[in-house]
Amino acid sequence: MNQLNIADIESETFSINVTDVNNGICIKILGDIDLQDPKPPLNGLLEKLYTGIIEKGLKELVYDFKELTYLNSTSIAVFAKWIIQLSTIEEDKRFVIKIIMNKDITWQETSLPTLTYLVPGIVTIQ
């Protein structure tokens, strides 16, 4: 179990694994997220992550998308909303977001870099 005690999510088409990294948390998303309404599973998870990271004073959230084969636009919007939410948090409580992507997956190469523009200096792509 990770330091925030957040359980992994398993569904028919995707899974999300939550693990500890040096100064934060990593969520590894595998499979295909093509939900008509991704808000219930994603918002619940992201709210727990953001709250836990801020309360514990962690400094990093890693999104590992290397094995995520598809993420529909509605789901990308959920991640974007939470990234924008960082701009409302006091600077001393903010954390950085690192996105690990797979350049061989076209949608990742074209869509994920746009997330770096939402809150300058917060999101990086690897």
N, C-alpha and C. Protein backbone atom coordinates (compact mmCIF):
# COMPACT_ATOMS: atom_id res chain seq x y z
N MET A 1 0.86 -1.18 0.00
CA MET A 1 0.00 0.00 0.00
C MET A 1 0.89 1.24 0.00
N ASN A 2 0.45 2.27 -0.63
CA ASN A 2 1.20 3.53 -0.73
C ASN A 2 0.99 4.37 0.53
N GLN A 3 1.79 5.41 0.67
CA GLN A 3 1.76 6.23 1.88
C GLN A 3 0.47 7.01 2.07
N LEU A 4 -0.34 7.14 1.01
CA LEU A 4 -1.63 7.83 1.14
C LEU A 4 -2.78 6.84 1.36
N ASN A 5 -2.46 5.56 1.39
CA ASN A 5 -3.46 4.51 1.58
C ASN A 5 -4.58 4.58 0.54
N ILE A 6 -4.22 4.86 -0.70
CA ILE A 6 -5.17 4.92 -1.80
C ILE A 6 -5.11 3.60 -2.54
N ALA A 7 -6.26 2.98 -2.68
CA ALA A 7 -6.35 1.68 -3.33
C ALA A 7 -6.23 1.81 -4.85
N ASP A 8 -5.67 0.79 -5.47
CA ASP A 8 -5.63 0.71 -6.92
C ASP A 8 -7.05 0.57 -7.47
N ILE A 9 -7.21 0.91 -8.74
CA ILE A 9 -8.50 0.78 -9.40
C ILE A 9 -8.36 -0.23 -10.53
N GLU A 10 -9.28 -1.17 -10.58
CA GLU A 10 -9.30 -2.17 -11.64
C GLU A 10 -10.66 -2.12 -12.32
N SER A 11 -10.67 -2.05 -13.65
CA SER A 11 -11.92 -2.13 -14.39
C SER A 11 -11.72 -3.09 -15.56
N GLU A 12 -12.74 -3.22 -16.38
CA GLU A 12 -12.64 -4.13 -17.52
C GLU A 12 -11.62 -3.66 -18.55
N THR A 13 -11.48 -2.34 -18.71
CA THR A 13 -10.64 -1.83 -19.79
C THR A 13 -9.38 -1.11 -19.32
N PHE A 14 -9.29 -0.78 -18.05
CA PHE A 14 -8.11 -0.07 -17.57
C PHE A 14 -7.84 -0.40 -16.11
N SER A 15 -6.61 -0.11 -15.69
CA SER A 15 -6.26 -0.22 -14.27
C SER A 15 -5.38 0.97 -13.91
N ILE A 16 -5.47 1.36 -12.64
CA ILE A 16 -4.67 2.46 -12.12
C ILE A 16 -3.98 1.96 -10.86
N ASN A 17 -2.66 2.01 -10.88
CA ASN A 17 -1.85 1.56 -9.75
C ASN A 17 -1.23 2.78 -9.09
N VAL A 18 -1.36 2.87 -7.77
CA VAL A 18 -0.84 4.01 -7.00
C VAL A 18 0.34 3.52 -6.16
N THR A 19 1.51 4.12 -6.40
CA THR A 19 2.72 3.71 -5.68
C THR A 19 3.47 4.94 -5.18
N ASP A 20 4.36 4.70 -4.23
CA ASP A 20 5.21 5.77 -3.71
C ASP A 20 6.41 5.97 -4.62
N VAL A 21 6.86 7.23 -4.73
CA VAL A 21 8.14 7.57 -5.36
C VAL A 21 8.89 8.42 -4.34
N ASN A 22 10.13 8.77 -4.64
CA ASN A 22 10.99 9.46 -3.67
C ASN A 22 10.29 10.54 -2.85
N ASN A 23 9.74 11.54 -3.50
CA ASN A 23 9.13 12.64 -2.76
C ASN A 23 7.67 12.84 -3.17
N GLY A 24 7.00 11.71 -3.44
CA GLY A 24 5.62 11.84 -3.88
C GLY A 24 4.95 10.53 -4.20
N ILE A 25 4.05 10.62 -5.17
CA ILE A 25 3.20 9.50 -5.55
C ILE A 25 3.22 9.33 -7.06
N CYS A 26 3.15 8.09 -7.52
CA CYS A 26 3.04 7.79 -8.94
C CYS A 26 1.74 7.06 -9.19
N ILE A 27 1.01 7.49 -10.21
CA ILE A 27 -0.13 6.70 -10.65
C ILE A 27 0.18 6.20 -12.05
N LYS A 28 0.17 4.90 -12.16
CA LYS A 28 0.44 4.25 -13.45
C LYS A 28 -0.90 3.79 -14.00
N ILE A 29 -1.22 4.27 -15.19
CA ILE A 29 -2.50 3.94 -15.80
C ILE A 29 -2.25 3.06 -17.02
N LEU A 30 -2.91 1.92 -17.04
CA LEU A 30 -2.74 0.95 -18.11
C LEU A 30 -4.07 0.68 -18.79
N GLY A 31 -4.03 0.42 -20.08
CA GLY A 31 -5.24 0.02 -20.79
C GLY A 31 -5.83 1.13 -21.62
N ASP A 32 -7.15 1.22 -21.58
CA ASP A 32 -7.92 2.08 -22.46
C ASP A 32 -9.04 2.75 -21.67
N ILE A 33 -8.98 4.08 -21.55
CA ILE A 33 -10.04 4.81 -20.85
C ILE A 33 -10.88 5.54 -21.90
N ASP A 34 -12.03 4.97 -22.18
CA ASP A 34 -12.95 5.54 -23.17
C ASP A 34 -14.34 5.60 -22.55
N LEU A 35 -14.41 6.16 -21.35
CA LEU A 35 -15.67 6.22 -20.63
C LEU A 35 -16.48 7.43 -21.06
N GLN A 36 -17.78 7.24 -21.19
CA GLN A 36 -18.66 8.35 -21.52
C GLN A 36 -18.61 9.41 -20.41
N ASP A 37 -18.57 8.95 -19.16
CA ASP A 37 -18.44 9.86 -18.03
C ASP A 37 -17.32 9.37 -17.12
N PRO A 38 -16.10 9.85 -17.37
CA PRO A 38 -14.96 9.39 -16.56
C PRO A 38 -14.85 10.08 -15.21
N LYS A 39 -15.71 11.04 -14.94
CA LYS A 39 -15.59 11.80 -13.70
C LYS A 39 -15.68 10.95 -12.44
N PRO A 40 -16.65 10.03 -12.32
CA PRO A 40 -16.71 9.27 -11.06
C PRO A 40 -15.41 8.56 -10.68
N PRO A 41 -14.83 7.74 -11.55
CA PRO A 41 -13.60 7.09 -11.08
C PRO A 41 -12.40 8.02 -11.00
N LEU A 42 -12.26 8.93 -11.96
CA LEU A 42 -11.07 9.78 -11.99
C LEU A 42 -11.12 10.90 -10.96
N ASN A 43 -12.24 11.59 -10.83
CA ASN A 43 -12.32 12.68 -9.86
C ASN A 43 -12.12 12.18 -8.43
N GLY A 44 -12.70 11.05 -8.10
CA GLY A 44 -12.53 10.51 -6.76
C GLY A 44 -11.07 10.22 -6.45
N LEU A 45 -10.40 9.58 -7.40
CA LEU A 45 -8.99 9.26 -7.23
C LEU A 45 -8.14 10.53 -7.14
N LEU A 46 -8.35 11.45 -8.07
CA LEU A 46 -7.53 12.66 -8.09
C LEU A 46 -7.77 13.54 -6.87
N GLU A 47 -8.99 13.58 -6.38
CA GLU A 47 -9.26 14.35 -5.17
C GLU A 47 -8.49 13.77 -3.97
N LYS A 48 -8.50 12.45 -3.85
CA LYS A 48 -7.74 11.80 -2.77
C LYS A 48 -6.24 12.06 -2.92
N LEU A 49 -5.75 11.97 -4.15
CA LEU A 49 -4.33 12.20 -4.40
C LEU A 49 -3.92 13.62 -4.03
N TYR A 50 -4.63 14.60 -4.57
CA TYR A 50 -4.28 16.00 -4.32
C TYR A 50 -4.37 16.33 -2.83
N THR A 51 -5.45 15.92 -2.20
CA THR A 51 -5.61 16.19 -0.77
C THR A 51 -4.48 15.54 0.04
N GLY A 52 -4.21 14.29 -0.23
CA GLY A 52 -3.16 13.56 0.49
C GLY A 52 -1.78 14.14 0.27
N ILE A 53 -1.48 14.48 -0.97
CA ILE A 53 -0.17 15.06 -1.28
C ILE A 53 0.02 16.38 -0.55
N ILE A 54 -1.00 17.22 -0.55
CA ILE A 54 -0.90 18.51 0.14
C ILE A 54 -0.78 18.32 1.65
N GLU A 55 -1.62 17.44 2.22
CA GLU A 55 -1.57 17.21 3.68
C GLU A 55 -0.23 16.66 4.13
N LYS A 56 0.38 15.79 3.34
CA LYS A 56 1.66 15.19 3.71
C LYS A 56 2.85 16.04 3.32
N GLY A 57 2.60 17.11 2.57
CA GLY A 57 3.69 17.98 2.15
C GLY A 57 4.58 17.36 1.08
N LEU A 58 4.02 16.45 0.29
CA LEU A 58 4.79 15.83 -0.78
C LEU A 58 4.96 16.84 -1.92
N LYS A 59 5.93 16.61 -2.76
CA LYS A 59 6.28 17.60 -3.77
C LYS A 59 6.13 17.13 -5.21
N GLU A 60 5.67 15.88 -5.41
CA GLU A 60 5.65 15.37 -6.78
C GLU A 60 4.50 14.38 -6.99
N LEU A 61 3.84 14.52 -8.14
CA LEU A 61 2.85 13.56 -8.60
C LEU A 61 3.27 13.14 -10.00
N VAL A 62 3.48 11.85 -10.18
CA VAL A 62 3.89 11.31 -11.47
C VAL A 62 2.70 10.60 -12.11
N TYR A 63 2.38 11.00 -13.33
CA TYR A 63 1.38 10.28 -14.13
C TYR A 63 2.17 9.43 -15.12
N ASP A 64 2.11 8.12 -14.97
CA ASP A 64 2.79 7.22 -15.89
C ASP A 64 1.76 6.70 -16.89
N PHE A 65 1.79 7.27 -18.09
CA PHE A 65 0.84 6.92 -19.14
C PHE A 65 1.45 5.99 -20.19
N LYS A 66 2.67 5.47 -19.98
CA LYS A 66 3.37 4.68 -21.00
C LYS A 66 2.54 3.53 -21.55
N GLU A 67 1.73 2.91 -20.69
CA GLU A 67 0.95 1.75 -21.13
C GLU A 67 -0.54 2.07 -21.26
N LEU A 68 -0.86 3.36 -21.35
CA LEU A 68 -2.24 3.78 -21.56
C LEU A 68 -2.44 3.92 -23.07
N THR A 69 -3.19 2.99 -23.64
CA THR A 69 -3.34 2.96 -25.09
C THR A 69 -4.30 4.00 -25.63
N TYR A 70 -5.28 4.41 -24.81
CA TYR A 70 -6.24 5.42 -25.26
C TYR A 70 -6.82 6.16 -24.07
N LEU A 71 -7.00 7.46 -24.24
CA LEU A 71 -7.63 8.32 -23.24
C LEU A 71 -8.50 9.29 -24.01
N ASN A 72 -9.82 9.17 -23.85
CA ASN A 72 -10.70 10.04 -24.63
C ASN A 72 -10.62 11.48 -24.16
N SER A 73 -11.17 12.39 -24.96
CA SER A 73 -11.04 13.82 -24.67
C SER A 73 -11.73 14.22 -23.37
N THR A 74 -12.82 13.55 -23.03
CA THR A 74 -13.51 13.84 -21.77
C THR A 74 -12.61 13.50 -20.59
N SER A 75 -11.87 12.43 -20.69
CA SER A 75 -10.95 12.03 -19.62
C SER A 75 -9.75 12.98 -19.54
N ILE A 76 -9.24 13.40 -20.69
CA ILE A 76 -8.14 14.37 -20.69
C ILE A 76 -8.59 15.65 -20.00
N ALA A 77 -9.84 16.04 -20.23
CA ALA A 77 -10.38 17.25 -19.59
C ALA A 77 -10.41 17.13 -18.07
N VAL A 78 -10.66 15.92 -17.56
CA VAL A 78 -10.65 15.71 -16.10
C VAL A 78 -9.23 15.95 -15.56
N PHE A 79 -8.23 15.39 -16.21
CA PHE A 79 -6.85 15.62 -15.78
C PHE A 79 -6.49 17.11 -15.88
N ALA A 80 -6.92 17.76 -16.95
CA ALA A 80 -6.64 19.18 -17.14
C ALA A 80 -7.25 20.02 -16.02
N LYS A 81 -8.48 19.69 -15.65
CA LYS A 81 -9.16 20.43 -14.57
C LYS A 81 -8.35 20.36 -13.28
N TRP A 82 -7.85 19.18 -12.95
CA TRP A 82 -7.09 19.02 -11.72
C TRP A 82 -5.73 19.71 -11.79
N ILE A 83 -5.14 19.75 -12.98
CA ILE A 83 -3.88 20.48 -13.12
C ILE A 83 -4.13 21.97 -12.90
N ILE A 84 -5.19 22.50 -13.50
CA ILE A 84 -5.53 23.91 -13.32
C ILE A 84 -5.81 24.22 -11.85
N GLN A 85 -6.38 23.26 -11.15
CA GLN A 85 -6.68 23.42 -9.72
C GLN A 85 -5.43 23.77 -8.92
N LEU A 86 -4.26 23.33 -9.38
CA LEU A 86 -3.01 23.63 -8.68
C LEU A 86 -2.74 25.13 -8.60
N SER A 87 -3.24 25.88 -9.57
CA SER A 87 -3.00 27.33 -9.55
C SER A 87 -3.73 28.02 -8.41
N THR A 88 -4.71 27.34 -7.80
CA THR A 88 -5.46 27.93 -6.70
C THR A 88 -4.89 27.57 -5.33
N ILE A 89 -3.90 26.71 -5.33
CA ILE A 89 -3.28 26.26 -4.07
C ILE A 89 -2.14 27.20 -3.69
N GLU A 90 -2.00 27.47 -2.42
CA GLU A 90 -0.90 28.32 -1.95
C GLU A 90 0.43 27.78 -2.48
N GLU A 91 1.30 28.68 -2.91
CA GLU A 91 2.54 28.27 -3.55
C GLU A 91 3.38 27.31 -2.71
N ASP A 92 3.44 27.50 -1.40
CA ASP A 92 4.27 26.64 -0.56
C ASP A 92 3.67 25.23 -0.43
N LYS A 93 2.43 25.03 -0.84
CA LYS A 93 1.80 23.71 -0.76
C LYS A 93 1.70 23.04 -2.13
N ARG A 94 2.10 23.73 -3.17
CA ARG A 94 2.02 23.17 -4.52
C ARG A 94 3.03 22.06 -4.71
N PHE A 95 2.74 21.23 -5.67
CA PHE A 95 3.64 20.15 -6.06
C PHE A 95 3.76 20.14 -7.57
N VAL A 96 4.77 19.47 -8.07
CA VAL A 96 4.95 19.37 -9.52
C VAL A 96 4.31 18.09 -10.03
N ILE A 97 3.97 18.12 -11.30
CA ILE A 97 3.41 16.94 -11.96
C ILE A 97 4.36 16.55 -13.09
N LYS A 98 4.78 15.31 -13.06
CA LYS A 98 5.61 14.76 -14.13
C LYS A 98 4.77 13.75 -14.90
N ILE A 99 4.72 13.92 -16.20
CA ILE A 99 3.98 13.00 -17.06
C ILE A 99 4.98 12.16 -17.83
N ILE A 100 4.87 10.86 -17.67
CA ILE A 100 5.72 9.94 -18.43
C ILE A 100 4.85 9.40 -19.57
N MET A 101 5.29 9.66 -20.80
CA MET A 101 4.47 9.26 -21.93
C MET A 101 5.22 8.31 -22.85
N ASN A 102 4.47 7.71 -23.74
CA ASN A 102 5.01 6.80 -24.73
C ASN A 102 4.92 7.50 -26.09
N LYS A 103 6.06 7.91 -26.62
CA LYS A 103 6.07 8.66 -27.88
C LYS A 103 5.64 7.82 -29.07
N ASP A 104 5.54 6.52 -28.88
CA ASP A 104 5.07 5.66 -29.97
C ASP A 104 3.56 5.60 -30.07
N ILE A 105 2.88 6.20 -29.11
CA ILE A 105 1.41 6.24 -29.14
C ILE A 105 1.01 7.65 -29.58
N THR A 106 0.43 7.75 -30.77
CA THR A 106 0.18 9.04 -31.41
C THR A 106 -0.61 10.01 -30.55
N TRP A 107 -1.70 9.56 -29.93
CA TRP A 107 -2.52 10.49 -29.16
C TRP A 107 -1.72 11.10 -28.00
N GLN A 108 -0.80 10.32 -27.42
CA GLN A 108 0.02 10.85 -26.32
C GLN A 108 0.97 11.93 -26.83
N GLU A 109 1.59 11.67 -27.96
CA GLU A 109 2.55 12.61 -28.54
C GLU A 109 1.88 13.94 -28.91
N THR A 110 0.62 13.89 -29.33
CA THR A 110 -0.06 15.11 -29.76
C THR A 110 -0.85 15.80 -28.64
N SER A 111 -1.38 15.04 -27.69
CA SER A 111 -2.28 15.62 -26.68
C SER A 111 -1.61 15.96 -25.35
N LEU A 112 -0.76 15.10 -24.85
CA LEU A 112 -0.21 15.31 -23.51
C LEU A 112 0.66 16.56 -23.36
N PRO A 113 1.47 16.94 -24.36
CA PRO A 113 2.27 18.16 -24.18
C PRO A 113 1.44 19.42 -23.94
N THR A 114 0.21 19.46 -24.40
CA THR A 114 -0.63 20.64 -24.17
C THR A 114 -0.90 20.87 -22.69
N LEU A 115 -0.84 19.81 -21.88
CA LEU A 115 -1.08 19.95 -20.44
C LEU A 115 0.00 20.79 -19.75
N THR A 116 1.16 20.90 -20.37
CA THR A 116 2.25 21.69 -19.77
C THR A 116 1.95 23.19 -19.79
N TYR A 117 1.02 23.62 -20.62
CA TYR A 117 0.72 25.05 -20.75
C TYR A 117 -0.35 25.52 -19.76
N LEU A 118 -1.00 24.62 -19.08
CA LEU A 118 -2.12 24.99 -18.21
C LEU A 118 -1.69 25.79 -17.00
N VAL A 119 -0.65 25.36 -16.33
CA VAL A 119 -0.08 26.08 -15.18
C VAL A 119 1.44 26.06 -15.40
N PRO A 120 1.98 27.10 -16.03
CA PRO A 120 3.40 27.11 -16.36
C PRO A 120 4.31 26.78 -15.19
N GLY A 121 5.30 25.91 -15.47
CA GLY A 121 6.27 25.54 -14.45
C GLY A 121 5.85 24.40 -13.55
N ILE A 122 4.63 23.91 -13.69
CA ILE A 122 4.12 22.85 -12.81
C ILE A 122 4.22 21.47 -13.46
N VAL A 123 3.93 21.39 -14.76
CA VAL A 123 3.85 20.11 -15.46
C VAL A 123 5.04 19.95 -16.40
N THR A 124 5.70 18.78 -16.31
CA THR A 124 6.76 18.44 -17.27
C THR A 124 6.44 17.10 -17.91
N ILE A 125 6.99 16.90 -19.09
CA ILE A 125 6.78 15.66 -19.84
C ILE A 125 8.11 14.93 -19.97
N GLN A 126 8.07 13.63 -19.76
CA GLN A 126 9.26 12.79 -19.95
C GLN A 126 8.95 11.73 -20.97
